[in-house]
Amino acid sequence: MLTKITSTLFVGSLAASMMLAGTAVQAADLKAGETKAMVCAACHGADGISLTPDVPNLAGQKEVYLAKAINYYKSGERKNPLMQSMVGALTDEDIANLAAYFARLK
């Protein structure tokens, strides 16, 4: 019984992860992400590596994490007035493109 429940949970989690990852990857336009990222460079660095200790590095972060973080700033769930003003006008497509771009940087 426990094995069946564990298997069902695993398969469900795997399917959900694949749907989330697949959506982000399909929607990603790396060139558009790179263009949008020019504004981010002022704080997060031209290569996604911040020069300031209180500003996070974006390069190499997981794509899903980056998209969620941007959406949390946009919705106000994460509080940072500067970030909220920076991401407020981003579309879902912009966010997917930015997340994909920064995730692929080393």
C-alpha atoms as a PDB file:
ATOM      1  CA  MET A   1       0.000   0.000   0.000  1.00  0.00           C
ATOM      2  CA  LEU A   2       2.749   2.432   0.966  1.00  0.00           C
ATOM      3  CA  THR A   3       4.681   1.648  -2.217  1.00  0.00           C
ATOM      4  CA  LYS A   4       1.638   2.426  -4.360  1.00  0.00           C
ATOM      5  CA  ILE A   5       1.076   5.757  -2.579  1.00  0.00           C
ATOM      6  CA  THR A   6       4.764   6.649  -2.867  1.00  0.00           C
ATOM      7  CA  SER A   7       4.790   5.747  -6.565  1.00  0.00           C
ATOM      8  CA  THR A   8       1.660   7.800  -7.205  1.00  0.00           C
ATOM      9  CA  LEU A   9       3.114  10.823  -5.412  1.00  0.00           C
ATOM     10  CA  PHE A  10       6.404  10.500  -7.284  1.00  0.00           C
ATOM     11  CA  VAL A  11       4.722  10.223 -10.683  1.00  0.00           C
ATOM     12  CA  GLY A  12       2.454  13.173  -9.895  1.00  0.00           C
ATOM     13  CA  SER A  13       5.385  15.313  -8.756  1.00  0.00           C
ATOM     14  CA  LEU A  14       7.415  14.351 -11.794  1.00  0.00           C
ATOM     15  CA  ALA A  15       4.559  15.200 -14.159  1.00  0.00           C
ATOM     16  CA  ALA A  16       4.027  18.591 -12.500  1.00  0.00           C
ATOM     17  CA  SER A  17       7.755  19.377 -12.678  1.00  0.00           C
ATOM     18  CA  MET A  18       7.916  18.435 -16.342  1.00  0.00           C
ATOM     19  CA  MET A  19       4.903  20.615 -17.137  1.00  0.00           C
ATOM     20  CA  LEU A  20       6.449  23.620 -15.367  1.00  0.00           C
ATOM     21  CA  ALA A  21       9.875  23.095 -16.900  1.00  0.00           C
ATOM     22  CA  GLY A  22       8.443  22.426 -20.357  1.00  0.00           C
ATOM     23  CA  THR A  23       6.378  25.604 -20.293  1.00  0.00           C
ATOM     24  CA  ALA A  24       9.361  27.755 -19.373  1.00  0.00           C
ATOM     25  CA  VAL A  25      11.635  26.159 -21.962  1.00  0.00           C
ATOM     26  CA  GLN A  26       9.106  26.338 -24.817  1.00  0.00           C
ATOM     27  CA  ALA A  27       8.351  29.999 -24.174  1.00  0.00           C
ATOM     28  CA  ALA A  28      11.972  31.087 -23.829  1.00  0.00           C
ATOM     29  CA  ASP A  29      13.510  33.461 -26.345  1.00  0.00           C
ATOM     30  CA  LEU A  30      17.108  33.850 -25.161  1.00  0.00           C
ATOM     31  CA  LYS A  31      17.819  36.864 -27.369  1.00  0.00           C
ATOM     32  CA  ALA A  32      14.763  38.676 -26.014  1.00  0.00           C
ATOM     33  CA  GLY A  33      15.862  37.727 -22.500  1.00  0.00           C
ATOM     34  CA  GLU A  34      19.331  39.093 -23.142  1.00  0.00           C
ATOM     35  CA  THR A  35      17.863  42.373 -24.392  1.00  0.00           C
ATOM     36  CA  LYS A  36      15.576  42.722 -21.346  1.00  0.00           C
ATOM     37  CA  ALA A  37      18.488  41.820 -19.048  1.00  0.00           C
ATOM     38  CA  MET A  38      20.397  44.965 -20.013  1.00  0.00           C
ATOM     39  CA  VAL A  39      18.393  46.883 -17.405  1.00  0.00           C
ATOM     40  CA  CYS A  40      19.179  44.219 -14.778  1.00  0.00           C
ATOM     41  CA  ALA A  41      22.922  44.654 -15.359  1.00  0.00           C
ATOM     42  CA  ALA A  42      23.007  47.908 -13.386  1.00  0.00           C
ATOM     43  CA  CYS A  43      22.581  45.960 -10.138  1.00  0.00           C
ATOM     44  CA  HIS A  44      23.067  42.296 -11.010  1.00  0.00           C
ATOM     45  CA  GLY A  45      26.102  42.741 -13.290  1.00  0.00           C
ATOM     46  CA  ALA A  46      26.474  42.460 -17.073  1.00  0.00           C
ATOM     47  CA  ASP A  47      27.147  38.728 -16.756  1.00  0.00           C
ATOM     48  CA  GLY A  48      24.595  38.119 -13.998  1.00  0.00           C
ATOM     49  CA  ILE A  49      27.269  38.269 -11.283  1.00  0.00           C
ATOM     50  CA  SER A  50      26.682  41.116  -8.863  1.00  0.00           C
ATOM     51  CA  LEU A  51      29.532  43.288  -7.666  1.00  0.00           C
ATOM     52  CA  THR A  52      27.544  44.314  -4.572  1.00  0.00           C
ATOM     53  CA  PRO A  53      27.284  41.939  -1.603  1.00  0.00           C
ATOM     54  CA  ASP A  54      23.604  42.664  -0.939  1.00  0.00           C
ATOM     55  CA  VAL A  55      22.485  42.048  -4.549  1.00  0.00           C
ATOM     56  CA  PRO A  56      22.118  38.395  -5.589  1.00  0.00           C
ATOM     57  CA  ASN A  57      23.846  36.748  -8.520  1.00  0.00           C
ATOM     58  CA  LEU A  58      21.409  35.640 -11.215  1.00  0.00           C
ATOM     59  CA  ALA A  59      23.763  33.720 -13.493  1.00  0.00           C
ATOM     60  CA  GLY A  60      23.316  29.982 -13.302  1.00  0.00           C
ATOM     61  CA  GLN A  61      20.273  30.044 -11.024  1.00  0.00           C
ATOM     62  CA  LYS A  62      17.525  27.552 -11.833  1.00  0.00           C
ATOM     63  CA  GLU A  63      15.105  28.853 -14.455  1.00  0.00           C
ATOM     64  CA  VAL A  64      11.975  27.960 -12.482  1.00  0.00           C
ATOM     65  CA  TYR A  65      13.395  29.640  -9.354  1.00  0.00           C
ATOM     66  CA  LEU A  66      14.177  32.850 -11.248  1.00  0.00           C
ATOM     67  CA  ALA A  67      10.715  33.002 -12.827  1.00  0.00           C
ATOM     68  CA  LYS A  68       9.059  32.439  -9.445  1.00  0.00           C
ATOM     69  CA  ALA A  69      11.226  35.077  -7.769  1.00  0.00           C
ATOM     70  CA  ILE A  70      10.421  37.672 -10.441  1.00  0.00           C
ATOM     71  CA  ASN A  71       6.710  36.871 -10.182  1.00  0.00           C
ATOM     72  CA  TYR A  72       6.856  37.174  -6.374  1.00  0.00           C
ATOM     73  CA  TYR A  73       8.397  40.651  -6.699  1.00  0.00           C
ATOM     74  CA  LYS A  74       5.828  41.598  -9.321  1.00  0.00           C
ATOM     75  CA  SER A  75       2.901  40.463  -7.149  1.00  0.00           C
ATOM     76  CA  GLY A  76       4.338  42.057  -4.018  1.00  0.00           C
ATOM     77  CA  GLU A  77       4.689  38.706  -2.253  1.00  0.00           C
ATOM     78  CA  ARG A  78       8.390  39.551  -2.025  1.00  0.00           C
ATOM     79  CA  LYS A  79       8.853  43.080  -0.765  1.00  0.00           C
ATOM     80  CA  ASN A  80      11.481  45.235  -2.431  1.00  0.00           C
ATOM     81  CA  PRO A  81      10.316  48.575  -3.843  1.00  0.00           C
ATOM     82  CA  LEU A  82      13.155  48.782  -6.372  1.00  0.00           C
ATOM     83  CA  MET A  83      12.571  45.268  -7.697  1.00  0.00           C
ATOM     84  CA  GLN A  84       8.810  45.789  -7.760  1.00  0.00           C
ATOM     85  CA  SER A  85       9.262  48.889  -9.910  1.00  0.00           C
ATOM     86  CA  MET A  86      11.719  47.084 -12.193  1.00  0.00           C
ATOM     87  CA  VAL A  87       9.523  44.026 -12.860  1.00  0.00           C
ATOM     88  CA  GLY A  88       6.077  45.608 -12.640  1.00  0.00           C
ATOM     89  CA  ALA A  89       5.605  45.967 -16.399  1.00  0.00           C
ATOM     90  CA  LEU A  90       7.111  42.590 -17.369  1.00  0.00           C
ATOM     91  CA  THR A  91       4.824  40.163 -19.172  1.00  0.00           C
ATOM     92  CA  ASP A  92       4.803  36.421 -18.491  1.00  0.00           C
ATOM     93  CA  GLU A  93       6.788  36.024 -21.715  1.00  0.00           C
ATOM     94  CA  ASP A  94       9.371  38.607 -20.580  1.00  0.00           C
ATOM     95  CA  ILE A  95       9.766  36.769 -17.275  1.00  0.00           C
ATOM     96  CA  ALA A  96      10.213  33.401 -18.993  1.00  0.00           C
ATOM     97  CA  ASN A  97      12.792  34.909 -21.351  1.00  0.00           C
ATOM     98  CA  LEU A  98      14.745  36.574 -18.530  1.00  0.00           C
ATOM     99  CA  ALA A  99      14.716  33.426 -16.407  1.00  0.00           C
ATOM    100  CA  ALA A 100      15.918  31.320 -19.330  1.00  0.00           C
ATOM    101  CA  TYR A 101      18.648  33.799 -20.206  1.00  0.00           C
ATOM    102  CA  PHE A 102      20.084  34.100 -16.690  1.00  0.00           C
ATOM    103  CA  ALA A 103      19.791  30.353 -16.050  1.00  0.00           C
ATOM    104  CA  ARG A 104      22.061  29.661 -19.002  1.00  0.00           C
ATOM    105  CA  LEU A 105      24.818  32.040 -17.933  1.00  0.00           C
ATOM    106  CA  LYS A 106      27.817  30.501 -16.183  1.00  0.00           C
END
